Amino acid sequence: MKVLYYFTSGGRNPVRSFIEEQHKVLQAEIVDAISMLEDEKTLQMPLSRSLPDIHKGLHELRFKDRAGESRIVYYVKKKEAIYLVHAFKKKTRTMSKKDKALILKRLKEI
C-alpha cells in the first residue's frame, strides 16, 4: 500500500521534517517501520497502536530512545493509502488536546 506524507497548504511536510531532525539510529527505525507499512505488514504493540478514541483508522508508530519517546500518527484510508499526518516527541502520558485537534484538522484535509 502507498504511504503518503501530509503536506500543509504552504507545501511543508511536517512529518518528514520531524524524521530528518532525529538522530540517525531513530531515523533508521522510523524508515524500517514505514517500509513495513508499505509492505502491508500487520504492526502491533509495542511498535504500533490503534487510536480509535480519536478517529477510526488512526494509529501511531511508537519509538523510544535515550532522548525520550516519539510518535508518528498515521491514518489508514482503506484501499487507497496510508497517510503520515503528524509526528511529535511525547512528553506526557496522554496525547495533548492540541495534538489531537491538529490531527483531526489534517484528516479533514486528506
PDB file of N, CA and C in Angstrom:
ATOM      1  N   MET A   1       0.844  -1.176   0.000  1.00  0.00           N
ATOM      2  CA  MET A   1       0.000   0.000   0.000  1.00  0.00           C
ATOM      3  C   MET A   1       0.887   1.236   0.000  1.00  0.00           C
ATOM      4  N   LYS A   2       0.468   2.257  -0.682  1.00  0.00           N
ATOM      5  CA  LYS A   2       1.242   3.501  -0.734  1.00  0.00           C
ATOM      6  C   LYS A   2       1.225   4.190   0.628  1.00  0.00           C
ATOM      7  N   VAL A   3       2.374   4.724   1.005  1.00  0.00           N
ATOM      8  CA  VAL A   3       2.469   5.570   2.194  1.00  0.00           C
ATOM      9  C   VAL A   3       2.712   6.982   1.698  1.00  0.00           C
ATOM     10  N   LEU A   4       1.805   7.882   2.068  1.00  0.00           N
ATOM     11  CA  LEU A   4       1.886   9.273   1.635  1.00  0.00           C
ATOM     12  C   LEU A   4       2.066  10.179   2.839  1.00  0.00           C
ATOM     13  N   TYR A   5       2.796  11.243   2.634  1.00  0.00           N
ATOM     14  CA  TYR A   5       3.011  12.225   3.687  1.00  0.00           C
ATOM     15  C   TYR A   5       1.993  13.351   3.555  1.00  0.00           C
ATOM     16  N   TYR A   6       1.524  13.832   4.698  1.00  0.00           N
ATOM     17  CA  TYR A   6       0.656  15.003   4.727  1.00  0.00           C
ATOM     18  C   TYR A   6       1.502  16.236   4.398  1.00  0.00           C
ATOM     19  N   PHE A   7       0.969  17.117   3.559  1.00  0.00           N
ATOM     20  CA  PHE A   7       1.598  18.397   3.257  1.00  0.00           C
ATOM     21  C   PHE A   7       0.672  19.517   3.688  1.00  0.00           C
ATOM     22  N   THR A   8       1.239  20.569   4.276  1.00  0.00           N
ATOM     23  CA  THR A   8       0.433  21.732   4.642  1.00  0.00           C
ATOM     24  C   THR A   8       0.040  22.481   3.372  1.00  0.00           C
ATOM     25  N   SER A   9      -0.881  23.413   3.503  1.00  0.00           N
ATOM     26  CA  SER A   9      -1.299  24.200   2.335  1.00  0.00           C
ATOM     27  C   SER A   9      -0.133  25.009   1.778  1.00  0.00           C
ATOM     28  N   GLY A  10       0.864  25.284   2.604  1.00  0.00           N
ATOM     29  CA  GLY A  10       2.056  26.002   2.161  1.00  0.00           C
ATOM     30  C   GLY A  10       3.125  25.093   1.567  1.00  0.00           C
ATOM     31  N   GLY A  11       2.831  23.790   1.489  1.00  0.00           N
ATOM     32  CA  GLY A  11       3.774  22.853   0.890  1.00  0.00           C
ATOM     33  C   GLY A  11       4.783  22.251   1.856  1.00  0.00           C
ATOM     34  N   ARG A  12       4.630  22.532   3.143  1.00  0.00           N
ATOM     35  CA  ARG A  12       5.554  21.991   4.146  1.00  0.00           C
ATOM     36  C   ARG A  12       5.166  20.553   4.477  1.00  0.00           C
ATOM     37  N   ASN A  13       6.170  19.714   4.742  1.00  0.00           N
ATOM     38  CA  ASN A  13       5.958  18.318   5.082  1.00  0.00           C
ATOM     39  C   ASN A  13       6.403  18.119   6.531  1.00  0.00           C
ATOM     40  N   PRO A  14       5.496  18.298   7.504  1.00  0.00           N
ATOM     41  CA  PRO A  14       5.901  18.277   8.917  1.00  0.00           C
ATOM     42  C   PRO A  14       6.418  16.928   9.407  1.00  0.00           C
ATOM     43  N   VAL A  15       5.890  15.821   8.896  1.00  0.00           N
ATOM     44  CA  VAL A  15       6.356  14.508   9.360  1.00  0.00           C
ATOM     45  C   VAL A  15       7.772  14.241   8.862  1.00  0.00           C
ATOM     46  N   ARG A  16       8.033  14.505   7.587  1.00  0.00           N
ATOM     47  CA  ARG A  16       9.379  14.304   7.056  1.00  0.00           C
ATOM     48  C   ARG A  16      10.376  15.226   7.781  1.00  0.00           C
ATOM     49  N   SER A  17       9.986  16.453   8.042  1.00  0.00           N
ATOM     50  CA  SER A  17      10.865  17.376   8.774  1.00  0.00           C
ATOM     51  C   SER A  17      11.196  16.813  10.157  1.00  0.00           C
ATOM     52  N   PHE A  18      10.191  16.279  10.840  1.00  0.00           N
ATOM     53  CA  PHE A  18      10.402  15.682  12.156  1.00  0.00           C
ATOM     54  C   PHE A  18      11.404  14.529  12.064  1.00  0.00           C
ATOM     55  N   ILE A  19      11.217  13.654  11.079  1.00  0.00           N
ATOM     56  CA  ILE A  19      12.109  12.498  10.914  1.00  0.00           C
ATOM     57  C   ILE A  19      13.543  12.969  10.670  1.00  0.00           C
ATOM     58  N   GLU A  20      13.718  13.962   9.818  1.00  0.00           N
ATOM     59  CA  GLU A  20      15.056  14.457   9.496  1.00  0.00           C
ATOM     60  C   GLU A  20      15.749  15.104  10.689  1.00  0.00           C
ATOM     61  N   GLU A  21      14.988  15.560  11.680  1.00  0.00           N
ATOM     62  CA  GLU A  21      15.555  16.189  12.875  1.00  0.00           C
ATOM     63  C   GLU A  21      16.053  15.167  13.900  1.00  0.00           C
ATOM     64  N   GLN A  22      15.692  13.901  13.727  1.00  0.00           N
ATOM     65  CA  GLN A  22      16.063  12.858  14.688  1.00  0.00           C
ATOM     66  C   GLN A  22      17.469  12.330  14.384  1.00  0.00           C
ATOM     67  N   HIS A  23      18.081  11.686  15.385  1.00  0.00           N
ATOM     68  CA  HIS A  23      19.410  11.116  15.164  1.00  0.00           C
ATOM     69  C   HIS A  23      19.302   9.911  14.223  1.00  0.00           C
ATOM     70  N   LYS A  24      20.413   9.528  13.646  1.00  0.00           N
ATOM     71  CA  LYS A  24      20.449   8.520  12.569  1.00  0.00           C
ATOM     72  C   LYS A  24      19.842   7.176  12.965  1.00  0.00           C
ATOM     73  N   VAL A  25      20.077   6.729  14.193  1.00  0.00           N
ATOM     74  CA  VAL A  25      19.553   5.428  14.615  1.00  0.00           C
ATOM     75  C   VAL A  25      18.020   5.462  14.639  1.00  0.00           C
ATOM     76  N   LEU A  26      17.455   6.528  15.204  1.00  0.00           N
ATOM     77  CA  LEU A  26      15.997   6.650  15.250  1.00  0.00           C
ATOM     78  C   LEU A  26      15.426   6.816  13.842  1.00  0.00           C
ATOM     79  N   GLN A  27      16.106   7.574  13.004  1.00  0.00           N
ATOM     80  CA  GLN A  27      15.659   7.720  11.610  1.00  0.00           C
ATOM     81  C   GLN A  27      15.562   6.352  10.934  1.00  0.00           C
ATOM     82  N   ALA A  28      16.561   5.500  11.153  1.00  0.00           N
ATOM     83  CA  ALA A  28      16.566   4.170  10.540  1.00  0.00           C
ATOM     84  C   ALA A  28      15.394   3.330  11.055  1.00  0.00           C
ATOM     85  N   GLU A  29      15.090   3.423  12.350  1.00  0.00           N
ATOM     86  CA  GLU A  29      13.956   2.685  12.915  1.00  0.00           C
ATOM     87  C   GLU A  29      12.643   3.160  12.304  1.00  0.00           C
ATOM     88  N   ILE A  30      12.521   4.463  12.128  1.00  0.00           N
ATOM     89  CA  ILE A  30      11.306   5.028  11.534  1.00  0.00           C
ATOM     90  C   ILE A  30      11.153   4.575  10.091  1.00  0.00           C
ATOM     91  N   VAL A  31      12.230   4.647   9.324  1.00  0.00           N
ATOM     92  CA  VAL A  31      12.191   4.221   7.918  1.00  0.00           C
ATOM     93  C   VAL A  31      11.811   2.739   7.826  1.00  0.00           C
ATOM     94  N   ASP A  32      12.352   1.912   8.710  1.00  0.00           N
ATOM     95  CA  ASP A  32      12.006   0.489   8.723  1.00  0.00           C
ATOM     96  C   ASP A  32      10.520   0.286   8.997  1.00  0.00           C
ATOM     97  N   ALA A  33       9.978   1.019   9.954  1.00  0.00           N
ATOM     98  CA  ALA A  33       8.556   0.889  10.290  1.00  0.00           C
ATOM     99  C   ALA A  33       7.680   1.334   9.120  1.00  0.00           C
ATOM    100  N   ILE A  34       8.062   2.421   8.457  1.00  0.00           N
ATOM    101  CA  ILE A  34       7.303   2.900   7.301  1.00  0.00           C
ATOM    102  C   ILE A  34       7.362   1.876   6.165  1.00  0.00           C
ATOM    103  N   SER A  35       8.512   1.246   5.992  1.00  0.00           N
ATOM    104  CA  SER A  35       8.646   0.191   4.974  1.00  0.00           C
ATOM    105  C   SER A  35       7.713  -0.983   5.272  1.00  0.00           C
ATOM    106  N   MET A  36       7.583  -1.327   6.541  1.00  0.00           N
ATOM    107  CA  MET A  36       6.666  -2.409   6.910  1.00  0.00           C
ATOM    108  C   MET A  36       5.220  -2.026   6.586  1.00  0.00           C
ATOM    109  N   LEU A  37       4.884  -0.754   6.801  1.00  0.00           N
ATOM    110  CA  LEU A  37       3.535  -0.290   6.438  1.00  0.00           C
ATOM    111  C   LEU A  37       3.318  -0.426   4.933  1.00  0.00           C
ATOM    112  N   GLU A  38       4.310  -0.021   4.154  1.00  0.00           N
ATOM    113  CA  GLU A  38       4.216  -0.132   2.693  1.00  0.00           C
ATOM    114  C   GLU A  38       4.047  -1.577   2.242  1.00  0.00           C
ATOM    115  N   ASP A  39       4.702  -2.488   2.964  1.00  0.00           N
ATOM    116  CA  ASP A  39       4.620  -3.908   2.636  1.00  0.00           C
ATOM    117  C   ASP A  39       3.353  -4.556   3.201  1.00  0.00           C
ATOM    118  N   GLU A  40       2.493  -3.731   3.799  1.00  0.00           N
ATOM    119  CA  GLU A  40       1.201  -4.163   4.359  1.00  0.00           C
ATOM    120  C   GLU A  40       1.352  -5.205   5.457  1.00  0.00           C
ATOM    121  N   LYS A  41       2.439  -5.096   6.215  1.00  0.00           N
ATOM    122  CA  LYS A  41       2.614  -5.970   7.365  1.00  0.00           C
ATOM    123  C   LYS A  41       1.744  -5.460   8.509  1.00  0.00           C
ATOM    124  N   THR A  42       1.203  -6.377   9.275  1.00  0.00           N
ATOM    125  CA  THR A  42       0.393  -6.001  10.426  1.00  0.00           C
ATOM    126  C   THR A  42       1.322  -5.616  11.566  1.00  0.00           C
ATOM    127  N   LEU A  43       1.248  -4.374  11.982  1.00  0.00           N
ATOM    128  CA  LEU A  43       2.095  -3.889  13.068  1.00  0.00           C
ATOM    129  C   LEU A  43       1.292  -3.878  14.357  1.00  0.00           C
ATOM    130  N   GLN A  44       1.920  -4.340  15.423  1.00  0.00           N
ATOM    131  CA  GLN A  44       1.248  -4.419  16.720  1.00  0.00           C
ATOM    132  C   GLN A  44       2.108  -3.769  17.784  1.00  0.00           C
ATOM    133  N   MET A  45       1.591  -3.739  19.002  1.00  0.00           N
ATOM    134  CA  MET A  45       2.340  -3.226  20.133  1.00  0.00           C
ATOM    135  C   MET A  45       3.625  -4.034  20.277  1.00  0.00           C
ATOM    136  N   PRO A  46       4.705  -3.445  20.647  1.00  0.00           N
ATOM    137  CA  PRO A  46       4.857  -2.065  21.087  1.00  0.00           C
ATOM    138  C   PRO A  46       5.151  -1.065  19.960  1.00  0.00           C
ATOM    139  N   LEU A  47       5.282  -1.534  18.714  1.00  0.00           N
ATOM    140  CA  LEU A  47       5.630  -0.631  17.612  1.00  0.00           C
ATOM    141  C   LEU A  47       4.456   0.227  17.157  1.00  0.00           C
ATOM    142  N   SER A  48       3.271  -0.331  17.120  1.00  0.00           N
ATOM    143  CA  SER A  48       2.118   0.403  16.605  1.00  0.00           C
ATOM    144  C   SER A  48       0.907   0.173  17.495  1.00  0.00           C
ATOM    145  N   ARG A  49       0.103   1.222  17.611  1.00  0.00           N
ATOM    146  CA  ARG A  49      -1.099   1.131  18.427  1.00  0.00           C
ATOM    147  C   ARG A  49      -2.227   1.871  17.726  1.00  0.00           C
ATOM    148  N   SER A  50      -3.413   1.293  17.774  1.00  0.00           N
ATOM    149  CA  SER A  50      -4.596   1.911  17.191  1.00  0.00           C
ATOM    150  C   SER A  50      -5.084   3.042  18.089  1.00  0.00           C
ATOM    151  N   LEU A  51      -5.634   4.089  17.466  1.00  0.00           N
ATOM    152  CA  LEU A  51      -6.167   5.236  18.209  1.00  0.00           C
ATOM    153  C   LEU A  51      -7.645   5.458  17.872  1.00  0.00           C
ATOM    154  N   PRO A  52      -8.501   4.456  18.106  1.00  0.00           N
ATOM    155  CA  PRO A  52      -9.909   4.599  17.719  1.00  0.00           C
ATOM    156  C   PRO A  52     -10.665   5.648  18.520  1.00  0.00           C
ATOM    157  N   ASP A  53     -10.161   5.996  19.702  1.00  0.00           N
ATOM    158  CA  ASP A  53     -10.828   7.021  20.505  1.00  0.00           C
ATOM    159  C   ASP A  53     -10.677   8.408  19.892  1.00  0.00           C
ATOM    160  N   ILE A  54      -9.704   8.584  18.998  1.00  0.00           N
ATOM    161  CA  ILE A  54      -9.522   9.866  18.310  1.00  0.00           C
ATOM    162  C   ILE A  54     -10.239   9.839  16.968  1.00  0.00           C
ATOM    163  N   HIS A  55     -10.015   8.762  16.176  1.00  0.00           N
ATOM    164  CA  HIS A  55     -10.652   8.627  14.863  1.00  0.00           C
ATOM    165  C   HIS A  55     -10.484   7.204  14.358  1.00  0.00           C
ATOM    166  N   LYS A  56     -11.509   6.671  13.723  1.00  0.00           N
ATOM    167  CA  LYS A  56     -11.433   5.330  13.151  1.00  0.00           C
ATOM    168  C   LYS A  56     -10.350   5.302  12.068  1.00  0.00           C
ATOM    169  N   GLY A  57      -9.518   4.263  12.083  1.00  0.00           N
ATOM    170  CA  GLY A  57      -8.454   4.113  11.093  1.00  0.00           C
ATOM    171  C   GLY A  57      -7.159   4.814  11.464  1.00  0.00           C
ATOM    172  N   LEU A  58      -7.138   5.470  12.630  1.00  0.00           N
ATOM    173  CA  LEU A  58      -5.951   6.207  13.070  1.00  0.00           C
ATOM    174  C   LEU A  58      -5.079   5.314  13.953  1.00  0.00           C
ATOM    175  N   HIS A  59      -3.762   5.404  13.752  1.00  0.00           N
ATOM    176  CA  HIS A  59      -2.790   4.602  14.500  1.00  0.00           C
ATOM    177  C   HIS A  59      -1.569   5.465  14.793  1.00  0.00           C
ATOM    178  N   GLU A  60      -0.726   4.966  15.697  1.00  0.00           N
ATOM    179  CA  GLU A  60       0.536   5.652  15.952  1.00  0.00           C
ATOM    180  C   GLU A  60       1.682   4.658  15.922  1.00  0.00           C
ATOM    181  N   LEU A  61       2.788   5.089  15.321  1.00  0.00           N
ATOM    182  CA  LEU A  61       4.049   4.360  15.404  1.00  0.00           C
ATOM    183  C   LEU A  61       4.732   4.860  16.661  1.00  0.00           C
ATOM    184  N   ARG A  62       5.276   3.949  17.442  1.00  0.00           N
ATOM    185  CA  ARG A  62       5.833   4.296  18.748  1.00  0.00           C
ATOM    186  C   ARG A  62       7.328   3.987  18.774  1.00  0.00           C
ATOM    187  N   PHE A  63       8.115   4.975  19.161  1.00  0.00           N
ATOM    188  CA  PHE A  63       9.563   4.806  19.219  1.00  0.00           C
ATOM    189  C   PHE A  63      10.069   5.333  20.552  1.00  0.00           C
ATOM    190  N   LYS A  64      11.088   4.657  21.085  1.00  0.00           N
ATOM    191  CA  LYS A  64      11.676   5.080  22.347  1.00  0.00           C
ATOM    192  C   LYS A  64      13.184   4.988  22.217  1.00  0.00           C
ATOM    193  N   ASP A  65      13.867   6.053  22.651  1.00  0.00           N
ATOM    194  CA  ASP A  65      15.324   6.054  22.666  1.00  0.00           C
ATOM    195  C   ASP A  65      15.788   6.861  23.864  1.00  0.00           C
ATOM    196  N   ARG A  66      17.077   7.103  23.959  1.00  0.00           N
ATOM    197  CA  ARG A  66      17.596   7.808  25.139  1.00  0.00           C
ATOM    198  C   ARG A  66      17.090   9.243  25.241  1.00  0.00           C
ATOM    199  N   ALA A  67      16.630   9.807  24.133  1.00  0.00           N
ATOM    200  CA  ALA A  67      16.106  11.181  24.144  1.00  0.00           C
ATOM    201  C   ALA A  67      14.633  11.229  24.546  1.00  0.00           C
ATOM    202  N   GLY A  68      13.989  10.077  24.656  1.00  0.00           N
ATOM    203  CA  GLY A  68      12.580  10.050  25.052  1.00  0.00           C
ATOM    204  C   GLY A  68      11.742   9.244  24.074  1.00  0.00           C
ATOM    205  N   GLU A  69      10.458   9.520  24.091  1.00  0.00           N
ATOM    206  CA  GLU A  69       9.522   8.800  23.231  1.00  0.00           C
ATOM    207  C   GLU A  69       9.065   9.686  22.087  1.00  0.00           C
ATOM    208  N   SER A  70       8.916   9.072  20.920  1.00  0.00           N
ATOM    209  CA  SER A  70       8.436   9.781  19.729  1.00  0.00           C
ATOM    210  C   SER A  70       7.244   9.032  19.167  1.00  0.00           C
ATOM    211  N   ARG A  71       6.359   9.785  18.533  1.00  0.00           N
ATOM    212  CA  ARG A  71       5.185   9.190  17.911  1.00  0.00           C
ATOM    213  C   ARG A  71       5.024   9.738  16.496  1.00  0.00           C
ATOM    214  N   ILE A  72       4.624   8.855  15.587  1.00  0.00           N
ATOM    215  CA  ILE A  72       4.225   9.267  14.243  1.00  0.00           C
ATOM    216  C   ILE A  72       2.815   8.736  14.048  1.00  0.00           C
ATOM    217  N   VAL A  73       1.883   9.639  13.827  1.00  0.00           N
ATOM    218  CA  VAL A  73       0.485   9.274  13.698  1.00  0.00           C
ATOM    219  C   VAL A  73       0.168   9.065  12.224  1.00  0.00           C
ATOM    220  N   TYR A  74      -0.483   7.935  11.945  1.00  0.00           N
ATOM    221  CA  TYR A  74      -0.839   7.630  10.563  1.00  0.00           C
ATOM    222  C   TYR A  74      -2.297   7.201  10.458  1.00  0.00           C
ATOM    223  N   TYR A  75      -2.853   7.440   9.274  1.00  0.00           N
ATOM    224  CA  TYR A  75      -4.255   7.128   9.003  1.00  0.00           C
ATOM    225  C   TYR A  75      -4.326   6.152   7.845  1.00  0.00           C
ATOM    226  N   VAL A  76      -5.015   5.046   8.055  1.00  0.00           N
ATOM    227  CA  VAL A  76      -5.179   4.036   7.008  1.00  0.00           C
ATOM    228  C   VAL A  76      -6.509   4.310   6.313  1.00  0.00           C
ATOM    229  N   LYS A  77      -6.414   4.777   5.072  1.00  0.00           N
ATOM    230  CA  LYS A  77      -7.602   5.007   4.261  1.00  0.00           C
ATOM    231  C   LYS A  77      -7.735   3.788   3.366  1.00  0.00           C
ATOM    232  N   LYS A  78      -8.660   2.914   3.717  1.00  0.00           N
ATOM    233  CA  LYS A  78      -8.789   1.601   3.073  1.00  0.00           C
ATOM    234  C   LYS A  78      -8.761   1.678   1.560  1.00  0.00           C
ATOM    235  N   LYS A  79      -8.001   0.768   0.992  1.00  0.00           N
ATOM    236  CA  LYS A  79      -7.861   0.590  -0.455  1.00  0.00           C
ATOM    237  C   LYS A  79      -7.326   1.827  -1.169  1.00  0.00           C
ATOM    238  N   GLU A  80      -6.815   2.793  -0.428  1.00  0.00           N
ATOM    239  CA  GLU A  80      -6.264   3.982  -1.071  1.00  0.00           C
ATOM    240  C   GLU A  80      -4.800   4.177  -0.702  1.00  0.00           C
ATOM    241  N   ALA A  81      -4.549   4.466   0.569  1.00  0.00           N
ATOM    242  CA  ALA A  81      -3.182   4.753   1.006  1.00  0.00           C
ATOM    243  C   ALA A  81      -3.120   4.848   2.523  1.00  0.00           C
ATOM    244  N   ILE A  82      -1.898   4.941   3.029  1.00  0.00           N
ATOM    245  CA  ILE A  82      -1.643   5.220   4.431  1.00  0.00           C
ATOM    246  C   ILE A  82      -1.043   6.627   4.474  1.00  0.00           C
ATOM    247  N   TYR A  83      -1.631   7.482   5.261  1.00  0.00           N
ATOM    248  CA  TYR A  83      -1.191   8.876   5.338  1.00  0.00           C
ATOM    249  C   TYR A  83      -0.475   9.123   6.662  1.00  0.00           C
ATOM    250  N   LEU A  84       0.759   9.610   6.588  1.00  0.00           N
ATOM    251  CA  LEU A  84       1.501  10.026   7.778  1.00  0.00           C
ATOM    252  C   LEU A  84       1.108  11.472   8.043  1.00  0.00           C
ATOM    253  N   VAL A  85       0.354  11.702   9.124  1.00  0.00           N
ATOM    254  CA  VAL A  85      -0.248  13.021   9.319  1.00  0.00           C
ATOM    255  C   VAL A  85       0.387  13.890  10.401  1.00  0.00           C
ATOM    256  N   HIS A  86       1.075  13.272  11.376  1.00  0.00           N
ATOM    257  CA  HIS A  86       1.609  14.082  12.471  1.00  0.00           C
ATOM    258  C   HIS A  86       2.749  13.331  13.148  1.00  0.00           C
ATOM    259  N   ALA A  87       3.704  14.062  13.693  1.00  0.00           N
ATOM    260  CA  ALA A  87       4.817  13.470  14.449  1.00  0.00           C
ATOM    261  C   ALA A  87       5.175  14.402  15.588  1.00  0.00           C
ATOM    262  N   PHE A  88       5.543  13.813  16.724  1.00  0.00           N
ATOM    263  CA  PHE A  88       5.886  14.638  17.881  1.00  0.00           C
ATOM    264  C   PHE A  88       6.673  13.830  18.905  1.00  0.00           C
ATOM    265  N   LYS A  89       7.362  14.562  19.782  1.00  0.00           N
ATOM    266  CA  LYS A  89       8.032  13.966  20.932  1.00  0.00           C
ATOM    267  C   LYS A  89       6.991  13.887  22.043  1.00  0.00           C
ATOM    268  N   LYS A  90       6.858  12.723  22.633  1.00  0.00           N
ATOM    269  CA  LYS A  90       5.872  12.526  23.683  1.00  0.00           C
ATOM    270  C   LYS A  90       6.447  13.008  25.006  1.00  0.00           C
ATOM    271  N   LYS A  91       5.677  13.846  25.707  1.00  0.00           N
ATOM    272  CA  LYS A  91       6.160  14.404  26.960  1.00  0.00           C
ATOM    273  C   LYS A  91       5.240  14.098  28.137  1.00  0.00           C
ATOM    274  N   THR A  92       4.023  13.640  27.842  1.00  0.00           N
ATOM    275  CA  THR A  92       3.059  13.313  28.897  1.00  0.00           C
ATOM    276  C   THR A  92       2.472  11.932  28.625  1.00  0.00           C
ATOM    277  N   ARG A  93       1.729  11.421  29.584  1.00  0.00           N
ATOM    278  CA  ARG A  93       1.135  10.080  29.423  1.00  0.00           C
ATOM    279  C   ARG A  93       0.093  10.046  28.317  1.00  0.00           C
ATOM    280  N   THR A  94      -0.644  11.125  28.156  1.00  0.00           N
ATOM    281  CA  THR A  94      -1.696  11.161  27.144  1.00  0.00           C
ATOM    282  C   THR A  94      -1.369  12.204  26.083  1.00  0.00           C
ATOM    283  N   MET A  95      -1.946  12.026  24.914  1.00  0.00           N
ATOM    284  CA  MET A  95      -1.736  12.973  23.829  1.00  0.00           C
ATOM    285  C   MET A  95      -2.454  14.282  24.170  1.00  0.00           C
ATOM    286  N   SER A  96      -1.794  15.380  23.892  1.00  0.00           N
ATOM    287  CA  SER A  96      -2.378  16.684  24.221  1.00  0.00           C
ATOM    288  C   SER A  96      -3.586  16.995  23.343  1.00  0.00           C
ATOM    289  N   LYS A  97      -4.460  17.855  23.862  1.00  0.00           N
ATOM    290  CA  LYS A  97      -5.635  18.286  23.089  1.00  0.00           C
ATOM    291  C   LYS A  97      -5.196  19.019  21.827  1.00  0.00           C
ATOM    292  N   LYS A  98      -4.092  19.742  21.908  1.00  0.00           N
ATOM    293  CA  LYS A  98      -3.562  20.469  20.757  1.00  0.00           C
ATOM    294  C   LYS A  98      -3.158  19.497  19.643  1.00  0.00           C
ATOM    295  N   ASP A  99      -2.450  18.411  20.020  1.00  0.00           N
ATOM    296  CA  ASP A  99      -2.044  17.408  19.030  1.00  0.00           C
ATOM    297  C   ASP A  99      -3.273  16.729  18.418  1.00  0.00           C
ATOM    298  N   LYS A 100      -4.252  16.372  19.252  1.00  0.00           N
ATOM    299  CA  LYS A 100      -5.470  15.725  18.754  1.00  0.00           C
ATOM    300  C   LYS A 100      -6.209  16.628  17.771  1.00  0.00           C
ATOM    301  N   ALA A 101      -6.329  17.905  18.122  1.00  0.00           N
ATOM    302  CA  ALA A 101      -7.025  18.851  17.240  1.00  0.00           C
ATOM    303  C   ALA A 101      -6.292  19.001  15.911  1.00  0.00           C
ATOM    304  N   LEU A 102      -4.981  19.052  15.956  1.00  0.00           N
ATOM    305  CA  LEU A 102      -4.178  19.177  14.737  1.00  0.00           C
ATOM    306  C   LEU A 102      -4.344  17.933  13.852  1.00  0.00           C
ATOM    307  N   ILE A 103      -4.335  16.772  14.457  1.00  0.00           N
ATOM    308  CA  ILE A 103      -4.517  15.526  13.708  1.00  0.00           C
ATOM    309  C   ILE A 103      -5.884  15.515  13.023  1.00  0.00           C
ATOM    310  N   LEU A 104      -6.937  15.845  13.763  1.00  0.00           N
ATOM    311  CA  LEU A 104      -8.288  15.858  13.179  1.00  0.00           C
ATOM    312  C   LEU A 104      -8.408  16.885  12.065  1.00  0.00           C
ATOM    313  N   LYS A 105      -7.766  18.031  12.222  1.00  0.00           N
ATOM    314  CA  LYS A 105      -7.772  19.053  11.182  1.00  0.00           C
ATOM    315  C   LYS A 105      -7.110  18.503   9.906  1.00  0.00           C
ATOM    316  N   ARG A 106      -5.975  17.843  10.082  1.00  0.00           N
ATOM    317  CA  ARG A 106      -5.255  17.296   8.917  1.00  0.00           C
ATOM    318  C   ARG A 106      -6.042  16.165   8.249  1.00  0.00           C
ATOM    319  N   LEU A 107      -6.744  15.363   9.041  1.00  0.00           N
ATOM    320  CA  LEU A 107      -7.559  14.287   8.453  1.00  0.00           C
ATOM    321  C   LEU A 107      -8.654  14.855   7.560  1.00  0.00           C
ATOM    322  N   LYS A 108      -9.228  15.972   7.937  1.00  0.00           N
ATOM    323  CA  LYS A 108     -10.258  16.611   7.129  1.00  0.00           C
ATOM    324  C   LYS A 108      -9.705  17.089   5.777  1.00  0.00           C
ATOM    325  N   GLU A 109      -8.410  17.391   5.755  1.00  0.00           N
ATOM    326  CA  GLU A 109      -7.781  17.890   4.539  1.00  0.00           C
ATOM    327  C   GLU A 109      -7.368  16.781   3.581  1.00  0.00           C
ATOM    328  N   ILE A 110      -7.380  15.549   4.058  1.00  0.00           N
ATOM    329  CA  ILE A 110      -6.971  14.426   3.201  1.00  0.00           C
ATOM    330  C   ILE A 110      -8.114  14.072   2.255  1.00  0.00           C
TER     331      ILE A 110
END
